[in-house]
Amino acid sequence: MKNKTLEEIGSRLASARKDKGYTQEQLANLSGLSTKMISAAENGHKAMRPENIIKLCECLSISTDRLLCGESVMLDSLAEHDELKQLTPKQRDALSKIIDDFLSAFK
């Protein structure tokens, strides 16, 4: 039986990889990890070690919060605004991605 949390993280990993236009093999080469490990993580079959999570997030220019939790810490700090409270989970995810992409442009 698969772990739902691992499946969700895997789905976000696959989505971030595809958003960058990378194949699993390309991401493996960039991160120094194996294609097999990336495939297992994307399919929710295996948990990743913390150092591998960091490597993948750096290669994909996303925060670990985005990969692990689905949105950025920055979005949580803005949650006091009434407009943000009314967003659907899908809208919150999209906004979180916009914030992460914007902030990564200044790294």
PDB file of N, CA and C in Angstrom:
ATOM      1  N   MET A   1       0.842  -1.191   0.000  1.00  0.00           N
ATOM      2  CA  MET A   1       0.000   0.000   0.000  1.00  0.00           C
ATOM      3  C   MET A   1       0.885   1.253   0.000  1.00  0.00           C
ATOM      4  N   LYS A   2       0.585   2.199  -0.872  1.00  0.00           N
ATOM      5  CA  LYS A   2       1.376   3.415  -0.990  1.00  0.00           C
ATOM      6  C   LYS A   2       1.035   4.395   0.129  1.00  0.00           C
ATOM      7  N   ASN A   3       2.004   5.211   0.464  1.00  0.00           N
ATOM      8  CA  ASN A   3       1.845   6.259   1.446  1.00  0.00           C
ATOM      9  C   ASN A   3       1.331   7.505   0.728  1.00  0.00           C
ATOM     10  N   LYS A   4       0.201   8.032   1.170  1.00  0.00           N
ATOM     11  CA  LYS A   4      -0.425   9.181   0.504  1.00  0.00           C
ATOM     12  C   LYS A   4       0.500  10.405   0.489  1.00  0.00           C
ATOM     13  N   THR A   5       1.202  10.628   1.583  1.00  0.00           N
ATOM     14  CA  THR A   5       2.118  11.770   1.649  1.00  0.00           C
ATOM     15  C   THR A   5       3.226  11.630   0.618  1.00  0.00           C
ATOM     16  N   LEU A   6       3.800  10.432   0.510  1.00  0.00           N
ATOM     17  CA  LEU A   6       4.852  10.213  -0.482  1.00  0.00           C
ATOM     18  C   LEU A   6       4.313  10.388  -1.900  1.00  0.00           C
ATOM     19  N   GLU A   7       3.088   9.966  -2.142  1.00  0.00           N
ATOM     20  CA  GLU A   7       2.479  10.147  -3.466  1.00  0.00           C
ATOM     21  C   GLU A   7       2.309  11.631  -3.790  1.00  0.00           C
ATOM     22  N   GLU A   8       1.887  12.418  -2.798  1.00  0.00           N
ATOM     23  CA  GLU A   8       1.692  13.852  -3.017  1.00  0.00           C
ATOM     24  C   GLU A   8       3.022  14.548  -3.291  1.00  0.00           C
ATOM     25  N   ILE A   9       4.048  14.203  -2.512  1.00  0.00           N
ATOM     26  CA  ILE A   9       5.379  14.773  -2.741  1.00  0.00           C
ATOM     27  C   ILE A   9       5.882  14.362  -4.123  1.00  0.00           C
ATOM     28  N   GLY A  10       5.692  13.115  -4.475  1.00  0.00           N
ATOM     29  CA  GLY A  10       6.118  12.621  -5.781  1.00  0.00           C
ATOM     30  C   GLY A  10       5.423  13.342  -6.922  1.00  0.00           C
ATOM     31  N   SER A  11       4.154  13.598  -6.735  1.00  0.00           N
ATOM     32  CA  SER A  11       3.390  14.320  -7.752  1.00  0.00           C
ATOM     33  C   SER A  11       3.918  15.750  -7.913  1.00  0.00           C
ATOM     34  N   ARG A  12       4.219  16.401  -6.802  1.00  0.00           N
ATOM     35  CA  ARG A  12       4.776  17.761  -6.876  1.00  0.00           C
ATOM     36  C   ARG A  12       6.172  17.745  -7.500  1.00  0.00           C
ATOM     37  N   LEU A  13       6.959  16.719  -7.208  1.00  0.00           N
ATOM     38  CA  LEU A  13       8.289  16.592  -7.805  1.00  0.00           C
ATOM     39  C   LEU A  13       8.178  16.426  -9.321  1.00  0.00           C
ATOM     40  N   ALA A  14       7.311  15.544  -9.756  1.00  0.00           N
ATOM     41  CA  ALA A  14       7.119  15.320 -11.190  1.00  0.00           C
ATOM     42  C   ALA A  14       6.629  16.585 -11.876  1.00  0.00           C
ATOM     43  N   SER A  15       5.708  17.281 -11.241  1.00  0.00           N
ATOM     44  CA  SER A  15       5.164  18.515 -11.807  1.00  0.00           C
ATOM     45  C   SER A  15       6.254  19.580 -11.945  1.00  0.00           C
ATOM     46  N   ALA A  16       7.065  19.750 -10.904  1.00  0.00           N
ATOM     47  CA  ALA A  16       8.144  20.742 -10.943  1.00  0.00           C
ATOM     48  C   ALA A  16       9.169  20.377 -12.018  1.00  0.00           C
ATOM     49  N   ARG A  17       9.466  19.087 -12.134  1.00  0.00           N
ATOM     50  CA  ARG A  17      10.423  18.628 -13.153  1.00  0.00           C
ATOM     51  C   ARG A  17       9.887  18.924 -14.554  1.00  0.00           C
ATOM     52  N   LYS A  18       8.626  18.617 -14.776  1.00  0.00           N
ATOM     53  CA  LYS A  18       8.018  18.850 -16.087  1.00  0.00           C
ATOM     54  C   LYS A  18       7.901  20.342 -16.387  1.00  0.00           C
ATOM     55  N   ASP A  19       7.618  21.156 -15.349  1.00  0.00           N
ATOM     56  CA  ASP A  19       7.552  22.609 -15.542  1.00  0.00           C
ATOM     57  C   ASP A  19       8.878  23.163 -16.046  1.00  0.00           C
ATOM     58  N   LYS A  20       9.978  22.554 -15.613  1.00  0.00           N
ATOM     59  CA  LYS A  20      11.311  22.970 -16.064  1.00  0.00           C
ATOM     60  C   LYS A  20      11.669  22.363 -17.419  1.00  0.00           C
ATOM     61  N   GLY A  21      10.859  21.419 -17.896  1.00  0.00           N
ATOM     62  CA  GLY A  21      11.115  20.781 -19.180  1.00  0.00           C
ATOM     63  C   GLY A  21      12.170  19.691 -19.113  1.00  0.00           C
ATOM     64  N   TYR A  22      12.420  19.148 -17.918  1.00  0.00           N
ATOM     65  CA  TYR A  22      13.426  18.104 -17.745  1.00  0.00           C
ATOM     66  C   TYR A  22      12.808  16.717 -17.820  1.00  0.00           C
ATOM     67  N   THR A  23      13.557  15.790 -18.368  1.00  0.00           N
ATOM     68  CA  THR A  23      13.213  14.381 -18.248  1.00  0.00           C
ATOM     69  C   THR A  23      13.772  13.912 -16.904  1.00  0.00           C
ATOM     70  N   GLN A  24      13.384  12.719 -16.490  1.00  0.00           N
ATOM     71  CA  GLN A  24      13.949  12.168 -15.259  1.00  0.00           C
ATOM     72  C   GLN A  24      15.460  12.011 -15.409  1.00  0.00           C
ATOM     73  N   GLU A  25      15.895  11.605 -16.564  1.00  0.00           N
ATOM     74  CA  GLU A  25      17.330  11.420 -16.796  1.00  0.00           C
ATOM     75  C   GLU A  25      18.088  12.742 -16.706  1.00  0.00           C
ATOM     76  N   GLN A  26      17.520  13.802 -17.271  1.00  0.00           N
ATOM     77  CA  GLN A  26      18.175  15.107 -17.202  1.00  0.00           C
ATOM     78  C   GLN A  26      18.267  15.592 -15.750  1.00  0.00           C
ATOM     79  N   LEU A  27      17.186  15.415 -14.995  1.00  0.00           N
ATOM     80  CA  LEU A  27      17.204  15.818 -13.591  1.00  0.00           C
ATOM     81  C   LEU A  27      18.209  14.980 -12.810  1.00  0.00           C
ATOM     82  N   ALA A  28      18.299  13.716 -13.128  1.00  0.00           N
ATOM     83  CA  ALA A  28      19.280  12.847 -12.469  1.00  0.00           C
ATOM     84  C   ALA A  28      20.699  13.349 -12.733  1.00  0.00           C
ATOM     85  N   ASN A  29      20.990  13.708 -13.972  1.00  0.00           N
ATOM     86  CA  ASN A  29      22.321  14.216 -14.319  1.00  0.00           C
ATOM     87  C   ASN A  29      22.616  15.537 -13.612  1.00  0.00           C
ATOM     88  N   LEU A  30      21.633  16.418 -13.545  1.00  0.00           N
ATOM     89  CA  LEU A  30      21.829  17.712 -12.887  1.00  0.00           C
ATOM     90  C   LEU A  30      22.030  17.570 -11.378  1.00  0.00           C
ATOM     91  N   SER A  31      21.318  16.651 -10.785  1.00  0.00           N
ATOM     92  CA  SER A  31      21.337  16.516  -9.325  1.00  0.00           C
ATOM     93  C   SER A  31      22.385  15.536  -8.815  1.00  0.00           C
ATOM     94  N   GLY A  32      22.903  14.691  -9.697  1.00  0.00           N
ATOM     95  CA  GLY A  32      23.844  13.670  -9.271  1.00  0.00           C
ATOM     96  C   GLY A  32      23.161  12.471  -8.628  1.00  0.00           C
ATOM     97  N   LEU A  33      21.852  12.378  -8.796  1.00  0.00           N
ATOM     98  CA  LEU A  33      21.077  11.258  -8.250  1.00  0.00           C
ATOM     99  C   LEU A  33      20.742  10.291  -9.382  1.00  0.00           C
ATOM    100  N   SER A  34      20.271   9.124  -9.039  1.00  0.00           N
ATOM    101  CA  SER A  34      19.946   8.150 -10.076  1.00  0.00           C
ATOM    102  C   SER A  34      18.533   8.365 -10.628  1.00  0.00           C
ATOM    103  N   THR A  35      18.363   7.990 -11.871  1.00  0.00           N
ATOM    104  CA  THR A  35      17.042   8.040 -12.496  1.00  0.00           C
ATOM    105  C   THR A  35      16.081   7.135 -11.735  1.00  0.00           C
ATOM    106  N   LYS A  36      16.581   6.002 -11.275  1.00  0.00           N
ATOM    107  CA  LYS A  36      15.760   5.048 -10.520  1.00  0.00           C
ATOM    108  C   LYS A  36      15.219   5.685  -9.233  1.00  0.00           C
ATOM    109  N   MET A  37      16.068   6.449  -8.524  1.00  0.00           N
ATOM    110  CA  MET A  37      15.646   7.105  -7.294  1.00  0.00           C
ATOM    111  C   MET A  37      14.590   8.169  -7.583  1.00  0.00           C
ATOM    112  N   ILE A  38      14.792   8.934  -8.638  1.00  0.00           N
ATOM    113  CA  ILE A  38      13.837   9.984  -9.000  1.00  0.00           C
ATOM    114  C   ILE A  38      12.507   9.353  -9.395  1.00  0.00           C
ATOM    115  N   SER A  39      12.536   8.301 -10.164  1.00  0.00           N
ATOM    116  CA  SER A  39      11.312   7.605 -10.562  1.00  0.00           C
ATOM    117  C   SER A  39      10.573   7.064  -9.338  1.00  0.00           C
ATOM    118  N   ALA A  40      11.309   6.445  -8.427  1.00  0.00           N
ATOM    119  CA  ALA A  40      10.688   5.889  -7.216  1.00  0.00           C
ATOM    120  C   ALA A  40      10.061   6.989  -6.373  1.00  0.00           C
ATOM    121  N   ALA A  41      10.740   8.135  -6.279  1.00  0.00           N
ATOM    122  CA  ALA A  41      10.206   9.261  -5.507  1.00  0.00           C
ATOM    123  C   ALA A  41       8.954   9.832  -6.176  1.00  0.00           C
ATOM    124  N   GLU A  42       9.003  10.014  -7.491  1.00  0.00           N
ATOM    125  CA  GLU A  42       7.850  10.564  -8.212  1.00  0.00           C
ATOM    126  C   GLU A  42       6.637   9.644  -8.127  1.00  0.00           C
ATOM    127  N   ASN A  43       6.863   8.360  -8.049  1.00  0.00           N
ATOM    128  CA  ASN A  43       5.757   7.405  -7.973  1.00  0.00           C
ATOM    129  C   ASN A  43       5.302   7.126  -6.549  1.00  0.00           C
ATOM    130  N   GLY A  44       5.946   7.782  -5.576  1.00  0.00           N
ATOM    131  CA  GLY A  44       5.551   7.610  -4.184  1.00  0.00           C
ATOM    132  C   GLY A  44       5.951   6.287  -3.586  1.00  0.00           C
ATOM    133  N   HIS A  45       6.951   5.625  -4.180  1.00  0.00           N
ATOM    134  CA  HIS A  45       7.389   4.320  -3.708  1.00  0.00           C
ATOM    135  C   HIS A  45       8.454   4.404  -2.628  1.00  0.00           C
ATOM    136  N   LYS A  46       9.159   5.534  -2.584  1.00  0.00           N
ATOM    137  CA  LYS A  46      10.289   5.623  -1.669  1.00  0.00           C
ATOM    138  C   LYS A  46      10.450   7.048  -1.156  1.00  0.00           C
ATOM    139  N   ALA A  47      10.716   7.162   0.149  1.00  0.00           N
ATOM    140  CA  ALA A  47      10.998   8.468   0.743  1.00  0.00           C
ATOM    141  C   ALA A  47      12.420   8.884   0.373  1.00  0.00           C
ATOM    142  N   MET A  48      12.618  10.175   0.222  1.00  0.00           N
ATOM    143  CA  MET A  48      13.941  10.687  -0.127  1.00  0.00           C
ATOM    144  C   MET A  48      14.687  11.124   1.125  1.00  0.00           C
ATOM    145  N   ARG A  49      15.986  11.015   1.071  1.00  0.00           N
ATOM    146  CA  ARG A  49      16.825  11.511   2.155  1.00  0.00           C
ATOM    147  C   ARG A  49      16.839  13.035   2.098  1.00  0.00           C
ATOM    148  N   PRO A  50      16.966  13.697   3.238  1.00  0.00           N
ATOM    149  CA  PRO A  50      16.938  15.172   3.255  1.00  0.00           C
ATOM    150  C   PRO A  50      17.921  15.821   2.286  1.00  0.00           C
ATOM    151  N   GLU A  51      19.139  15.294   2.209  1.00  0.00           N
ATOM    152  CA  GLU A  51      20.122  15.908   1.316  1.00  0.00           C
ATOM    153  C   GLU A  51      19.716  15.765  -0.153  1.00  0.00           C
ATOM    154  N   ASN A  52      18.982  14.706  -0.492  1.00  0.00           N
ATOM    155  CA  ASN A  52      18.507  14.543  -1.868  1.00  0.00           C
ATOM    156  C   ASN A  52      17.344  15.481  -2.166  1.00  0.00           C
ATOM    157  N   ILE A  53      16.507  15.710  -1.186  1.00  0.00           N
ATOM    158  CA  ILE A  53      15.415  16.685  -1.343  1.00  0.00           C
ATOM    159  C   ILE A  53      16.007  18.051  -1.648  1.00  0.00           C
ATOM    160  N   ILE A  54      17.022  18.438  -0.892  1.00  0.00           N
ATOM    161  CA  ILE A  54      17.660  19.739  -1.092  1.00  0.00           C
ATOM    162  C   ILE A  54      18.280  19.829  -2.482  1.00  0.00           C
ATOM    163  N   LYS A  55      18.988  18.789  -2.909  1.00  0.00           N
ATOM    164  CA  LYS A  55      19.594  18.784  -4.253  1.00  0.00           C
ATOM    165  C   LYS A  55      18.540  18.973  -5.337  1.00  0.00           C
ATOM    166  N   LEU A  56      17.441  18.218  -5.233  1.00  0.00           N
ATOM    167  CA  LEU A  56      16.395  18.312  -6.250  1.00  0.00           C
ATOM    168  C   LEU A  56      15.747  19.690  -6.258  1.00  0.00           C
ATOM    169  N   CYS A  57      15.478  20.230  -5.080  1.00  0.00           N
ATOM    170  CA  CYS A  57      14.857  21.554  -5.011  1.00  0.00           C
ATOM    171  C   CYS A  57      15.770  22.619  -5.597  1.00  0.00           C
ATOM    172  N   GLU A  58      17.065  22.501  -5.351  1.00  0.00           N
ATOM    173  CA  GLU A  58      18.013  23.456  -5.934  1.00  0.00           C
ATOM    174  C   GLU A  58      18.014  23.352  -7.461  1.00  0.00           C
ATOM    175  N   CYS A  59      18.007  22.141  -7.986  1.00  0.00           N
ATOM    176  CA  CYS A  59      17.998  21.940  -9.442  1.00  0.00           C
ATOM    177  C   CYS A  59      16.709  22.458 -10.078  1.00  0.00           C
ATOM    178  N   LEU A  60      15.614  22.349  -9.347  1.00  0.00           N
ATOM    179  CA  LEU A  60      14.314  22.741  -9.885  1.00  0.00           C
ATOM    180  C   LEU A  60      13.918  24.174  -9.508  1.00  0.00           C
ATOM    181  N   SER A  61      14.772  24.841  -8.733  1.00  0.00           N
ATOM    182  CA  SER A  61      14.513  26.218  -8.269  1.00  0.00           C
ATOM    183  C   SER A  61      13.180  26.330  -7.543  1.00  0.00           C
ATOM    184  N   ILE A  62      12.916  25.373  -6.655  1.00  0.00           N
ATOM    185  CA  ILE A  62      11.728  25.433  -5.819  1.00  0.00           C
ATOM    186  C   ILE A  62      12.155  25.301  -4.362  1.00  0.00           C
ATOM    187  N   SER A  63      11.297  25.740  -3.466  1.00  0.00           N
ATOM    188  CA  SER A  63      11.614  25.613  -2.055  1.00  0.00           C
ATOM    189  C   SER A  63      11.279  24.203  -1.573  1.00  0.00           C
ATOM    190  N   THR A  64      11.937  23.804  -0.508  1.00  0.00           N
ATOM    191  CA  THR A  64      11.611  22.510   0.084  1.00  0.00           C
ATOM    192  C   THR A  64      10.184  22.526   0.623  1.00  0.00           C
ATOM    193  N   ASP A  65       9.726  23.685   1.084  1.00  0.00           N
ATOM    194  CA  ASP A  65       8.338  23.800   1.547  1.00  0.00           C
ATOM    195  C   ASP A  65       7.367  23.488   0.422  1.00  0.00           C
ATOM    196  N   ARG A  66       7.675  23.991  -0.737  1.00  0.00           N
ATOM    197  CA  ARG A  66       6.793  23.749  -1.886  1.00  0.00           C
ATOM    198  C   ARG A  66       6.753  22.258  -2.224  1.00  0.00           C
ATOM    199  N   LEU A  67       7.917  21.624  -2.225  1.00  0.00           N
ATOM    200  CA  LEU A  67       7.958  20.201  -2.555  1.00  0.00           C
ATOM    201  C   LEU A  67       7.272  19.361  -1.472  1.00  0.00           C
ATOM    202  N   LEU A  68       7.591  19.621  -0.230  1.00  0.00           N
ATOM    203  CA  LEU A  68       7.104  18.779   0.857  1.00  0.00           C
ATOM    204  C   LEU A  68       5.674  19.086   1.286  1.00  0.00           C
ATOM    205  N   CYS A  69       5.310  20.371   1.262  1.00  0.00           N
ATOM    206  CA  CYS A  69       4.000  20.774   1.800  1.00  0.00           C
ATOM    207  C   CYS A  69       3.036  21.283   0.744  1.00  0.00           C
ATOM    208  N   GLY A  70       3.553  21.638  -0.410  1.00  0.00           N
ATOM    209  CA  GLY A  70       2.672  22.076  -1.479  1.00  0.00           C
ATOM    210  C   GLY A  70       2.539  23.574  -1.627  1.00  0.00           C
ATOM    211  N   GLU A  71       3.099  24.333  -0.705  1.00  0.00           N
ATOM    212  CA  GLU A  71       3.085  25.781  -0.878  1.00  0.00           C
ATOM    213  C   GLU A  71       4.231  26.391  -0.098  1.00  0.00           C
ATOM    214  N   SER A  72       4.472  27.647  -0.365  1.00  0.00           N
ATOM    215  CA  SER A  72       5.620  28.297   0.256  1.00  0.00           C
ATOM    216  C   SER A  72       5.273  28.865   1.624  1.00  0.00           C
ATOM    217  N   VAL A  73       6.292  29.025   2.430  1.00  0.00           N
ATOM    218  CA  VAL A  73       6.131  29.660   3.736  1.00  0.00           C
ATOM    219  C   VAL A  73       5.661  31.092   3.537  1.00  0.00           C
ATOM    220  N   MET A  74       6.130  31.722   2.470  1.00  0.00           N
ATOM    221  CA  MET A  74       5.746  33.106   2.192  1.00  0.00           C
ATOM    222  C   MET A  74       4.230  33.224   2.065  1.00  0.00           C
ATOM    223  N   LEU A  75       3.610  32.270   1.410  1.00  0.00           N
ATOM    224  CA  LEU A  75       2.160  32.307   1.250  1.00  0.00           C
ATOM    225  C   LEU A  75       1.462  32.170   2.600  1.00  0.00           C
ATOM    226  N   ASP A  76       1.992  31.336   3.468  1.00  0.00           N
ATOM    227  CA  ASP A  76       1.419  31.199   4.801  1.00  0.00           C
ATOM    228  C   ASP A  76       1.471  32.513   5.563  1.00  0.00           C
ATOM    229  N   SER A  77       2.553  33.266   5.399  1.00  0.00           N
ATOM    230  CA  SER A  77       2.678  34.532   6.111  1.00  0.00           C
ATOM    231  C   SER A  77       1.729  35.590   5.551  1.00  0.00           C
ATOM    232  N   LEU A  78       1.267  35.401   4.338  1.00  0.00           N
ATOM    233  CA  LEU A  78       0.313  36.333   3.737  1.00  0.00           C
ATOM    234  C   LEU A  78      -1.138  35.911   3.970  1.00  0.00           C
ATOM    235  N   ALA A  79      -1.339  34.789   4.625  1.00  0.00           N
ATOM    236  CA  ALA A  79      -2.679  34.207   4.770  1.00  0.00           C
ATOM    237  C   ALA A  79      -3.645  35.052   5.575  1.00  0.00           C
ATOM    238  N   GLU A  80      -3.135  36.070   6.245  1.00  0.00           N
ATOM    239  CA  GLU A  80      -4.027  36.924   7.028  1.00  0.00           C
ATOM    240  C   GLU A  80      -4.934  37.796   6.142  1.00  0.00           C
ATOM    241  N   HIS A  81      -4.582  37.932   4.890  1.00  0.00           N
ATOM    242  CA  HIS A  81      -5.383  38.741   3.974  1.00  0.00           C
ATOM    243  C   HIS A  81      -6.659  37.982   3.589  1.00  0.00           C
ATOM    244  N   ASP A  82      -7.781  38.645   3.702  1.00  0.00           N
ATOM    245  CA  ASP A  82      -9.074  38.016   3.448  1.00  0.00           C
ATOM    246  C   ASP A  82      -9.177  37.425   2.046  1.00  0.00           C
ATOM    247  N   GLU A  83      -8.570  38.095   1.058  1.00  0.00           N
ATOM    248  CA  GLU A  83      -8.646  37.600  -0.316  1.00  0.00           C
ATOM    249  C   GLU A  83      -7.979  36.228  -0.442  1.00  0.00           C
ATOM    250  N   LEU A  84      -6.880  36.038   0.260  1.00  0.00           N
ATOM    251  CA  LEU A  84      -6.164  34.763   0.184  1.00  0.00           C
ATOM    252  C   LEU A  84      -6.925  33.648   0.882  1.00  0.00           C
ATOM    253  N   LYS A  85      -7.662  33.979   1.898  1.00  0.00           N
ATOM    254  CA  LYS A  85      -8.433  32.974   2.625  1.00  0.00           C
ATOM    255  C   LYS A  85      -9.524  32.372   1.745  1.00  0.00           C
ATOM    256  N   GLN A  86      -9.936  33.091   0.723  1.00  0.00           N
ATOM    257  CA  GLN A  86     -11.019  32.642  -0.148  1.00  0.00           C
ATOM    258  C   GLN A  86     -10.533  31.804  -1.333  1.00  0.00           C
ATOM    259  N   LEU A  87      -9.233  31.676  -1.491  1.00  0.00           N
ATOM    260  CA  LEU A  87      -8.691  30.908  -2.617  1.00  0.00           C
ATOM    261  C   LEU A  87      -8.902  29.414  -2.422  1.00  0.00           C
ATOM    262  N   THR A  88      -9.114  28.734  -3.515  1.00  0.00           N
ATOM    263  CA  THR A  88      -9.211  27.272  -3.478  1.00  0.00           C
ATOM    264  C   THR A  88      -7.803  26.705  -3.316  1.00  0.00           C
ATOM    265  N   PRO A  89      -7.675  25.441  -2.924  1.00  0.00           N
ATOM    266  CA  PRO A  89      -6.334  24.850  -2.828  1.00  0.00           C
ATOM    267  C   PRO A  89      -5.548  24.941  -4.140  1.00  0.00           C
ATOM    268  N   LYS A  90      -6.221  24.765  -5.254  1.00  0.00           N
ATOM    269  CA  LYS A  90      -5.541  24.854  -6.549  1.00  0.00           C
ATOM    270  C   LYS A  90      -5.038  26.282  -6.800  1.00  0.00           C
ATOM    271  N   GLN A  91      -5.850  27.264  -6.444  1.00  0.00           N
ATOM    272  CA  GLN A  91      -5.439  28.659  -6.604  1.00  0.00           C
ATOM    273  C   GLN A  91      -4.276  28.995  -5.671  1.00  0.00           C
ATOM    274  N   ARG A  92      -4.324  28.487  -4.441  1.00  0.00           N
ATOM    275  CA  ARG A  92      -3.227  28.714  -3.484  1.00  0.00           C
ATOM    276  C   ARG A  92      -1.934  28.098  -4.016  1.00  0.00           C
ATOM    277  N   ASP A  93      -2.030  26.917  -4.607  1.00  0.00           N
ATOM    278  CA  ASP A  93      -0.851  26.266  -5.157  1.00  0.00           C
ATOM    279  C   ASP A  93      -0.276  27.088  -6.302  1.00  0.00           C
ATOM    280  N   ALA A  94      -1.133  27.597  -7.163  1.00  0.00           N
ATOM    281  CA  ALA A  94      -0.673  28.414  -8.291  1.00  0.00           C
ATOM    282  C   ALA A  94      -0.003  29.697  -7.791  1.00  0.00           C
ATOM    283  N   LEU A  95      -0.598  30.335  -6.800  1.00  0.00           N
ATOM    284  CA  LEU A  95      -0.024  31.557  -6.243  1.00  0.00           C
ATOM    285  C   LEU A  95       1.314  31.258  -5.565  1.00  0.00           C
ATOM    286  N   SER A  96       1.382  30.155  -4.876  1.00  0.00           N
ATOM    287  CA  SER A  96       2.614  29.748  -4.220  1.00  0.00           C
ATOM    288  C   SER A  96       3.729  29.566  -5.247  1.00  0.00           C
ATOM    289  N   LYS A  97       3.396  28.950  -6.367  1.00  0.00           N
ATOM    290  CA  LYS A  97       4.380  28.743  -7.432  1.00  0.00           C
ATOM    291  C   LYS A  97       4.848  30.080  -8.003  1.00  0.00           C
ATOM    292  N   ILE A  98       3.941  30.999  -8.177  1.00  0.00           N
ATOM    293  CA  ILE A  98       4.301  32.326  -8.691  1.00  0.00           C
ATOM    294  C   ILE A  98       5.264  33.013  -7.734  1.00  0.00           C
ATOM    295  N   ILE A  99       4.974  32.950  -6.449  1.00  0.00           N
ATOM    296  CA  ILE A  99       5.843  33.573  -5.446  1.00  0.00           C
ATOM    297  C   ILE A  99       7.221  32.920  -5.447  1.00  0.00           C
ATOM    298  N   ASP A 100       7.260  31.588  -5.459  1.00  0.00           N
ATOM    299  CA  ASP A 100       8.542  30.880  -5.473  1.00  0.00           C
ATOM    300  C   ASP A 100       9.352  31.224  -6.719  1.00  0.00           C
ATOM    301  N   ASP A 101       8.698  31.253  -7.880  1.00  0.00           N
ATOM    302  CA  ASP A 101       9.395  31.581  -9.128  1.00  0.00           C
ATOM    303  C   ASP A 101       9.933  33.009  -9.090  1.00  0.00           C
ATOM    304  N   PHE A 102       9.136  33.917  -8.580  1.00  0.00           N
ATOM    305  CA  PHE A 102       9.538  35.320  -8.480  1.00  0.00           C
ATOM    306  C   PHE A 102      10.761  35.442  -7.577  1.00  0.00           C
ATOM    307  N   LEU A 103      10.707  34.832  -6.409  1.00  0.00           N
ATOM    308  CA  LEU A 103      11.821  34.940  -5.458  1.00  0.00           C
ATOM    309  C   LEU A 103      13.075  34.244  -5.965  1.00  0.00           C
ATOM    310  N   SER A 104      12.912  33.160  -6.711  1.00  0.00           N
ATOM    311  CA  SER A 104      14.094  32.447  -7.219  1.00  0.00           C
ATOM    312  C   SER A 104      14.826  33.277  -8.293  1.00  0.00           C
ATOM    313  N   ALA A 105      14.141  34.210  -8.901  1.00  0.00           N
ATOM    314  CA  ALA A 105      14.780  35.069  -9.899  1.00  0.00           C
ATOM    315  C   ALA A 105      15.827  35.992  -9.273  1.00  0.00           C
ATOM    316  N   PHE A 106      15.764  36.171  -7.971  1.00  0.00           N
ATOM    317  CA  PHE A 106      16.687  37.075  -7.284  1.00  0.00           C
ATOM    318  C   PHE A 106      17.797  36.346  -6.550  1.00  0.00           C
ATOM    319  N   LYS A 107      17.872  35.029  -6.723  1.00  0.00           N
ATOM    320  CA  LYS A 107      18.934  34.256  -6.045  1.00  0.00           C
ATOM    321  C   LYS A 107      20.236  34.350  -6.790  1.00  0.00           C
TER     322      LYS A 107
END
